[in-house]
Protein backbone atom coordinates (compact mmCIF):
# COMPACT_ATOMS: atom_id res chain seq x y z
CA UNK A 1 22.21 -20.86 -12.13
CA UNK A 2 20.06 -17.85 -11.31
CA UNK A 3 22.06 -15.50 -13.56
CA UNK A 4 20.87 -17.52 -16.56
CA UNK A 5 17.17 -17.45 -15.67
CA UNK A 6 15.08 -14.91 -17.51
CA UNK A 7 12.35 -13.43 -15.31
CA UNK A 8 9.16 -11.63 -16.36
CA UNK A 9 7.26 -9.48 -13.86
CA UNK A 10 3.60 -9.45 -14.91
CA UNK A 11 1.93 -6.25 -13.71
CA UNK A 12 -0.24 -3.36 -14.71
CA UNK A 13 1.69 -0.66 -16.66
CA UNK A 14 4.86 0.34 -14.82
CA UNK A 15 5.03 4.09 -15.32
CA UNK A 16 4.47 7.32 -13.38
CA UNK A 17 2.54 8.37 -11.42
CA UNK A 18 3.60 5.95 -8.70
CA UNK A 19 0.24 5.98 -6.94
CA UNK A 20 -0.73 2.29 -6.85
CA UNK A 21 0.79 -0.19 -4.44
CA UNK A 22 1.33 -3.19 -6.71
CA UNK A 23 3.16 -1.29 -9.44
CA UNK A 24 5.26 0.63 -6.90
CA UNK A 25 6.31 -2.68 -5.39
CA UNK A 26 7.14 -4.26 -8.77
CA UNK A 27 9.12 -1.19 -9.84
CA UNK A 28 11.23 -1.12 -6.69
CA UNK A 29 11.67 -4.91 -6.77
CA UNK A 30 13.12 -4.72 -10.28
CA UNK A 31 15.39 -1.83 -9.27
CA UNK A 32 16.60 -3.77 -6.23
CA UNK A 33 17.74 -6.78 -8.29
CA UNK A 34 19.94 -5.04 -10.88
CA UNK A 35 22.07 -8.10 -11.59
CA UNK A 36 19.15 -10.34 -12.61
CA UNK A 37 17.79 -10.46 -16.19
CA UNK A 38 14.33 -9.12 -15.38
CA UNK A 39 11.77 -7.94 -17.91
CA UNK A 40 9.02 -5.50 -16.96
CA UNK A 41 5.87 -4.30 -18.74
CA UNK A 42 5.74 -0.56 -19.27
CA UNK A 43 4.00 2.37 -20.88
CA UNK A 44 6.83 4.47 -22.27
CA UNK A 45 10.42 4.23 -21.04
CA UNK A 46 11.79 4.45 -17.49
CA UNK A 47 15.19 6.14 -17.38
CA UNK A 48 16.46 5.13 -13.95
CA UNK A 49 16.76 1.35 -14.35
CA UNK A 50 19.85 -0.77 -14.91
CA UNK A 51 20.68 -2.14 -18.34
CA UNK A 52 19.94 -5.68 -17.17
CA UNK A 53 16.25 -4.78 -16.88
CA UNK A 54 14.46 -5.21 -20.20
CA UNK A 55 11.56 -2.81 -20.64
CA UNK A 56 8.71 -4.17 -22.73
CA UNK A 57 6.48 -1.18 -23.72
CA UNK A 58 3.37 -3.26 -24.32
CA UNK A 59 0.86 -0.69 -23.06
CA UNK A 60 -0.43 2.33 -24.98
CA UNK A 61 -1.68 3.98 -21.77
CA UNK A 62 -0.65 4.21 -18.15
CA UNK A 63 -4.21 3.40 -17.08
CA UNK A 64 -5.07 -0.23 -16.49
CA UNK A 65 -8.27 -0.02 -18.52
CA UNK A 66 -9.84 -2.63 -20.79
CA UNK A 67 -7.53 -1.74 -23.68
CA UNK A 68 -4.52 -2.22 -21.41
CA UNK A 69 -5.88 -5.58 -20.26
CA UNK A 70 -6.27 -6.70 -23.87
CA UNK A 71 -2.73 -5.53 -24.62
CA UNK A 72 -1.48 -7.48 -21.60
CA UNK A 73 -3.32 -10.59 -22.81
CA UNK A 74 -1.65 -10.51 -26.22
CA UNK A 75 1.76 -9.70 -24.73
CA UNK A 76 1.58 -12.70 -22.42
CA UNK A 77 0.51 -14.87 -25.34
CA UNK A 78 3.62 -13.77 -27.27
CA UNK A 79 5.86 -14.29 -24.23
CA UNK A 80 4.68 -17.82 -23.39
CA UNK A 81 7.95 -19.56 -24.34
CA UNK A 82 10.45 -16.82 -23.61
CA UNK A 83 10.99 -16.83 -19.85
CA UNK A 84 12.30 -19.24 -17.24
CA UNK A 85 10.20 -17.59 -14.51
CA UNK A 86 6.91 -15.78 -14.97
CA UNK A 87 6.06 -13.85 -11.81
CA UNK A 88 2.49 -12.55 -11.50
CA UNK A 89 2.18 -9.50 -9.24
CA UNK A 90 -1.51 -8.69 -9.29
CA UNK A 91 -4.49 -9.79 -7.23
CA UNK A 92 -5.90 -12.98 -8.75
CA UNK A 93 -9.50 -13.01 -9.92
CA UNK A 94 -11.65 -15.60 -11.63
CA UNK A 95 -11.36 -14.03 -15.10
CA UNK A 96 -7.62 -13.41 -15.16
CA UNK A 97 -6.90 -16.83 -13.63
CA UNK A 98 -9.08 -18.52 -16.26
CA UNK A 99 -7.38 -16.58 -19.07
CA UNK A 100 -3.90 -17.47 -17.88
CA UNK A 101 -4.68 -21.16 -17.28
CA UNK A 102 -6.60 -21.56 -20.55
CA UNK A 103 -4.67 -19.42 -23.03
CA UNK A 104 -1.58 -17.79 -21.50
CA UNK A 105 0.12 -20.54 -19.52
CA UNK A 106 3.88 -20.42 -20.23
CA UNK A 107 5.12 -23.24 -22.43
CA UNK A 108 8.38 -23.36 -20.50
CA UNK A 109 9.74 -22.38 -17.11
CA UNK A 110 8.11 -21.94 -13.73
CA UNK A 111 5.46 -19.58 -12.40
CA UNK A 112 5.10 -17.54 -9.19
CA UNK A 113 2.06 -15.70 -7.87
CA UNK A 114 2.46 -12.98 -5.27
CA UNK A 115 -0.95 -12.73 -3.61
CA UNK A 116 -1.44 -9.42 -1.84
CA UNK A 117 -4.89 -10.41 -0.55
CA UNK A 118 -7.05 -13.53 -0.74
CA UNK A 119 -10.34 -11.57 -0.98
CA UNK A 120 -12.15 -14.19 1.11
CA UNK A 121 -15.12 -11.81 1.20
CA UNK A 122 -15.58 -12.59 -2.51
CA UNK A 123 -14.10 -16.02 -3.09
CA UNK A 124 -14.76 -19.41 -1.59
CA UNK A 125 -12.11 -22.02 -0.88
CA UNK A 126 -13.09 -23.74 -4.12
CA UNK A 127 -12.66 -20.47 -6.04
CA UNK A 128 -9.23 -19.86 -4.57
CA UNK A 129 -8.05 -23.36 -5.43
CA UNK A 130 -8.91 -22.63 -9.07
CA UNK A 131 -7.42 -19.13 -9.08
CA UNK A 132 -4.08 -19.95 -7.46
CA UNK A 133 -2.28 -21.96 -10.10
CA UNK A 134 1.43 -21.11 -9.88
CA UNK A 135 4.31 -23.41 -8.99
CA UNK A 136 5.08 -21.18 -6.00
CA UNK A 137 2.73 -18.85 -4.13
CA UNK A 138 3.93 -15.89 -2.08
CA UNK A 139 1.67 -14.13 0.43
CA UNK A 140 2.07 -10.78 2.15
CA UNK A 141 1.21 -12.06 5.64
CA UNK A 142 1.59 -15.10 7.86
CA UNK A 143 -2.18 -15.04 8.26
CA UNK A 144 -2.76 -15.59 4.53
CA UNK A 145 0.03 -18.17 4.36
CA UNK A 146 -1.60 -20.18 7.15
CA UNK A 147 -4.99 -19.92 5.46
CA UNK A 148 -3.63 -21.34 2.20
CA UNK A 149 -1.82 -24.12 4.00
CA UNK A 150 -5.08 -25.01 5.73
CA UNK A 151 -6.64 -25.31 2.26
CA UNK A 152 -3.95 -27.79 1.26
CA UNK A 153 -1.50 -25.59 -0.64
CA UNK A 154 2.15 -26.51 -0.15
CA UNK A 155 5.35 -24.55 -0.71
CA UNK A 156 3.73 -21.23 0.24
CA UNK A 157 6.17 -18.44 1.13
CA UNK A 158 5.45 -15.35 3.20
CA UNK A 159 7.46 -12.34 2.08
CA UNK A 160 6.53 -8.93 3.44
CA UNK A 161 6.30 -6.19 0.79
CA UNK A 162 9.42 -4.07 1.12
CA UNK A 163 9.75 -0.32 0.83
CA UNK A 164 12.73 1.89 0.01
CA UNK A 165 13.98 3.10 3.39
CA UNK A 166 16.15 5.76 1.80
CA UNK A 167 13.04 7.27 0.20
CA UNK A 168 10.84 6.88 3.28
CA UNK A 169 12.82 8.14 6.25
CA UNK A 170 12.38 10.57 9.17
CA UNK A 171 12.88 14.18 8.11
CA UNK A 172 12.00 17.58 9.64
CA UNK A 173 8.72 19.18 8.70
CA UNK A 174 9.08 21.05 5.41
CA UNK A 175 8.45 24.79 5.99
CA UNK A 176 7.12 25.11 2.44
CA UNK A 177 4.48 22.44 3.10
CA UNK A 178 3.53 24.00 6.41
CA UNK A 179 2.96 27.29 4.61
CA UNK A 180 1.13 25.64 1.70
CA UNK A 181 -1.51 24.16 4.00
CA UNK A 182 -1.59 27.08 6.45
CA UNK A 183 -0.07 25.10 9.31
CA UNK A 184 2.12 26.65 11.98
CA UNK A 185 5.37 25.27 13.33
CA UNK A 186 3.80 24.35 16.66
CA UNK A 187 0.74 22.58 15.22
CA UNK A 188 0.26 18.92 16.07
CA UNK A 189 -0.74 17.41 12.73
CA UNK A 190 -2.75 14.19 12.47
CA UNK A 191 -3.02 13.01 8.85
CA UNK A 192 -5.61 10.62 7.49
CA UNK A 193 -4.25 8.95 4.35
CA UNK A 194 -7.12 6.75 3.30
CA UNK A 195 -10.11 7.03 0.98
CA UNK A 196 -13.33 9.02 1.05
CA UNK A 197 -15.85 6.54 -0.35
CA UNK A 198 -14.32 3.27 0.85
CA UNK A 199 -12.83 1.94 4.10
CA UNK A 200 -15.74 3.14 6.24
CA UNK A 201 -13.86 5.78 8.22
CA UNK A 202 -14.95 9.04 6.58
CA UNK A 203 -18.14 9.86 8.48
CA UNK A 204 -16.73 8.78 11.83
CA UNK A 205 -13.63 10.91 11.33
CA UNK A 206 -15.58 13.95 10.11
CA UNK A 207 -18.00 13.83 13.05
CA UNK A 208 -15.21 13.25 15.56
CA UNK A 209 -13.03 16.05 14.20
CA UNK A 210 -15.91 18.53 14.19
CA UNK A 211 -16.75 17.55 17.76
CA UNK A 212 -13.13 17.96 18.78
CA UNK A 213 -12.79 21.45 17.32
CA UNK A 214 -16.02 22.54 19.00
CA UNK A 215 -14.87 21.27 22.38
CA UNK A 216 -11.24 22.40 22.07
CA UNK A 217 -11.16 25.47 19.82
CA UNK A 218 -7.69 26.48 21.02
CA UNK A 219 -6.05 23.08 20.65
CA UNK A 220 -2.85 22.87 18.56
CA UNK A 221 -4.15 19.66 16.95
CA UNK A 222 -4.83 19.93 13.22
CA UNK A 223 -6.44 17.10 11.23
CA UNK A 224 -5.17 16.81 7.67
CA UNK A 225 -7.03 14.84 4.98
CA UNK A 226 -4.34 13.66 2.52
CA UNK A 227 -6.79 11.63 0.44
CA UNK A 228 -6.71 10.98 -3.30
CA UNK A 229 -9.88 11.43 -5.34
CA UNK A 230 -10.04 8.23 -7.38
CA UNK A 231 -13.55 8.50 -8.79
CA UNK A 232 -16.85 10.38 -8.68
CA UNK A 233 -17.88 8.59 -5.47
CA UNK A 234 -14.82 10.02 -3.74
CA UNK A 235 -15.61 13.50 -5.03
CA UNK A 236 -19.19 13.29 -3.77
CA UNK A 237 -18.10 12.01 -0.37
CA UNK A 238 -15.59 14.81 -0.07
CA UNK A 239 -18.36 17.32 -0.82
CA UNK A 240 -20.43 15.71 1.97
CA UNK A 241 -17.55 16.17 4.40
CA UNK A 242 -17.05 19.77 3.34
CA UNK A 243 -20.77 20.44 3.88
CA UNK A 244 -20.54 19.00 7.40
CA UNK A 245 -17.66 21.33 8.25
CA UNK A 246 -19.46 24.30 6.70
CA UNK A 247 -22.66 23.60 8.62
CA UNK A 248 -20.59 23.45 11.81
CA UNK A 249 -18.96 26.78 10.99
CA UNK A 250 -15.56 25.10 10.75
CA UNK A 251 -14.70 25.52 7.07
CA UNK A 252 -11.31 26.89 8.06
CA UNK A 253 -10.49 23.66 9.93
CA UNK A 254 -10.92 21.37 6.92
CA UNK A 255 -7.32 20.94 5.80
CA UNK A 256 -6.98 18.67 2.77
CA UNK A 257 -4.99 17.71 -0.30
CA UNK A 258 -6.47 15.62 -3.11
CA UNK A 259 -3.16 14.65 -4.70
CA UNK A 260 0.34 14.52 -3.34
CA UNK A 261 3.40 13.43 -5.32
CA UNK A 262 5.71 13.67 -2.32
CA UNK A 263 4.30 11.08 0.09
CA UNK A 264 7.36 11.13 2.39
CA UNK A 265 6.69 14.86 2.70
CA UNK A 266 3.13 14.13 3.91
CA UNK A 267 4.31 11.61 6.48
CA UNK A 268 7.04 13.91 7.77
CA UNK A 269 4.66 16.88 7.85
CA UNK A 270 2.60 14.83 10.30
CA UNK A 271 3.09 13.98 13.95
CA UNK A 272 0.72 11.01 13.78
CA UNK A 273 -0.87 9.07 10.93
CA UNK A 274 -4.52 8.02 11.32
CA UNK A 275 -5.81 4.84 9.70
CA UNK A 276 -8.81 3.83 11.84
CA UNK A 277 -10.63 2.15 8.98
CA UNK A 278 -13.64 -0.15 9.31
CA UNK A 279 -13.54 -2.20 6.11
CA UNK A 280 -10.48 -3.51 4.24
CA UNK A 281 -12.39 -5.34 1.49
CA UNK A 282 -10.47 -5.15 -1.76
CA UNK A 283 -7.33 -3.77 -0.13
CA UNK A 284 -3.94 -5.40 0.28
CA UNK A 285 -3.27 -7.41 3.44
CA UNK A 286 -0.49 -4.96 4.33
CA UNK A 287 -1.52 -1.34 3.61
CA UNK A 288 1.75 0.35 2.67
CA UNK A 289 0.41 3.58 4.16
CA UNK A 290 1.03 2.07 7.59
CA UNK A 291 4.49 0.75 6.76
CA UNK A 292 5.60 3.97 5.05
CA UNK A 293 4.44 5.97 8.08
CA UNK A 294 6.47 3.72 10.38
CA UNK A 295 9.49 4.17 8.10
CA UNK A 296 9.21 7.94 8.52
CA UNK A 297 9.17 7.49 12.28
CA UNK A 298 5.45 8.14 12.75
CA UNK A 299 3.16 6.10 15.01
CA UNK A 300 -0.17 5.10 13.51
CA UNK A 301 -3.64 5.05 15.06
CA UNK A 302 -5.25 1.85 13.78
CA UNK A 303 -8.61 0.18 14.18
CA UNK A 304 -8.92 -3.26 15.73
CA UNK A 305 -9.17 -5.14 12.43
CA UNK A 306 -7.63 -8.59 13.02
CA UNK A 307 -5.58 -8.21 9.84
CA UNK A 308 -3.59 -5.37 11.41
CA UNK A 309 -2.42 -7.35 14.44
CA UNK A 310 0.47 -8.89 12.50
CA UNK A 311 2.17 -5.52 11.99
CA UNK A 312 1.07 -3.45 14.97
CA UNK A 313 1.87 -3.38 18.67
CA UNK A 314 1.74 -0.95 21.57
CA UNK A 315 5.28 0.30 20.97
CA UNK A 316 4.60 1.55 17.41
CA UNK A 317 0.84 2.09 17.14
CA UNK A 318 -2.39 2.74 19.02
CA UNK A 319 -5.36 0.47 18.35
CA UNK A 320 -8.92 1.75 18.76
CA UNK A 321 -12.30 0.04 18.29
CA UNK A 322 -13.68 0.25 14.76
CA UNK A 323 -16.06 3.16 14.24
CA UNK A 324 -15.42 4.63 17.71
CA UNK A 325 -14.76 8.33 17.26
CA UNK A 326 -14.34 9.01 20.98
CA UNK A 327 -11.62 6.37 21.27
CA UNK A 328 -9.90 7.83 18.22
CA UNK A 329 -9.90 11.31 19.75
CA UNK A 330 -8.64 9.93 23.07
CA UNK A 331 -5.74 8.30 21.22
CA UNK A 332 -4.90 11.60 19.50
CA UNK A 333 -5.12 13.46 22.81
CA UNK A 334 -2.88 10.96 24.57
CA UNK A 335 -0.14 11.19 21.95
CA UNK A 336 -0.35 14.98 21.75
CA UNK A 337 0.06 15.35 25.50
CA UNK A 338 2.93 12.84 25.84
CA UNK A 339 5.52 13.99 23.33
CA UNK A 340 8.23 11.83 24.88
CA UNK A 341 6.14 8.71 24.31
CA UNK A 342 5.34 9.93 20.80
CA UNK A 343 9.04 10.28 19.97
CA UNK A 344 9.87 6.86 21.42
CA UNK A 345 7.09 5.24 19.41
CA UNK A 346 8.43 6.91 16.27
CA UNK A 347 11.92 5.54 16.86
CA UNK A 348 10.52 2.07 17.54
CA UNK A 349 8.41 2.24 14.37
CA UNK A 350 11.47 3.01 12.26
CA UNK A 351 13.43 0.15 13.84
CA UNK A 352 10.50 -2.22 13.28
CA UNK A 353 10.38 -1.42 9.56
CA UNK A 354 14.15 -1.74 9.20
CA UNK A 355 13.90 -5.27 10.56
CA UNK A 356 10.80 -6.40 8.67
CA UNK A 357 10.03 -4.28 5.59
CA UNK A 358 13.38 -3.18 4.18
CA UNK A 359 13.13 -3.55 0.40
CA UNK A 360 16.65 -4.96 0.27
CA UNK A 361 15.58 -7.85 2.52
CA UNK A 362 12.42 -8.39 0.45
CA UNK A 363 14.39 -8.38 -2.79
CA UNK A 364 16.87 -10.90 -1.40
CA UNK A 365 14.02 -13.19 -0.38
CA UNK A 366 12.61 -13.07 -3.90
CA UNK A 367 16.08 -13.71 -5.37
CA UNK A 368 16.24 -16.84 -3.22
CA UNK A 369 12.81 -17.97 -4.48
CA UNK A 370 13.90 -17.35 -8.09
CA UNK A 371 17.01 -19.44 -7.51
CA UNK A 372 15.38 -22.50 -5.95
CA UNK A 373 12.15 -22.71 -7.95
């Protein structure tokens, strides 16, 4: 019976800040299955979890650096015979797959791999067949599931990554946030929640936004860069963007925030979320930015990356050609001018997420997998 199976979620350190998709998902998955005997790997102690969840503080740091990886290696070696189900929730790579298969393979029980992305830009079919070793494989998308089945894998499940719909929900714009970023109540706010150095959208967006403000200086549209600075490359790219705005005499139109603990606040501050990226290499098949925006009742402007077609349609999003700044601006203009359509798209987006990405549904699907494996 499932209530007798001991389950280990293998992840990077589960601890604040909750700024990385895989650990956010693992944390909420554990919280959503309070009756199951789940063990999680932490740095420090998390106070808001049920007593059935065993916290294993195996990490000395919240960063997933080389020391943390070594600590994870030794923890998994110690745990090899303890659990009935070992569930790996990180993107497989050649090194970690080799280590698990050669040294860390559980001596009892079954294994599950949740594969957020296949990274086919890096790995061949032969590579993937070596890296995917578990008794049951779970993908984020139907597209990845079909790809694995074409390779000959059997028993593959597709389970969409769920989000907490009580945490991400439509709310009025926060007056304190409007004041903090010098926005006015009547501003139409378009937020880009991406990356500076990766994804390939930064230069296109900067050039398009500068062009827009030159052509429409009195427009109520405000473009907000809610983009984390992950490394020095991001910092340098941000400086490049700031120089572009300064050279155009539009320093006062570069609205940005480098860090933001309250992501629902960012989504609800916005009227539209922009994610017209060019390159998704190294990113999850389902960017939670898009799903969280939908959950807050916000339509998303997406690029025509084939990956996005599984969770986008004309009733909840606008698709534009990759790298096409004029099409992006036209999409913004169309939504700003048709507020009734904007509101209807927002309602449809919320309904779509309730049906497909509710964490409670995701958790139940995993509970079913744990029971039958």
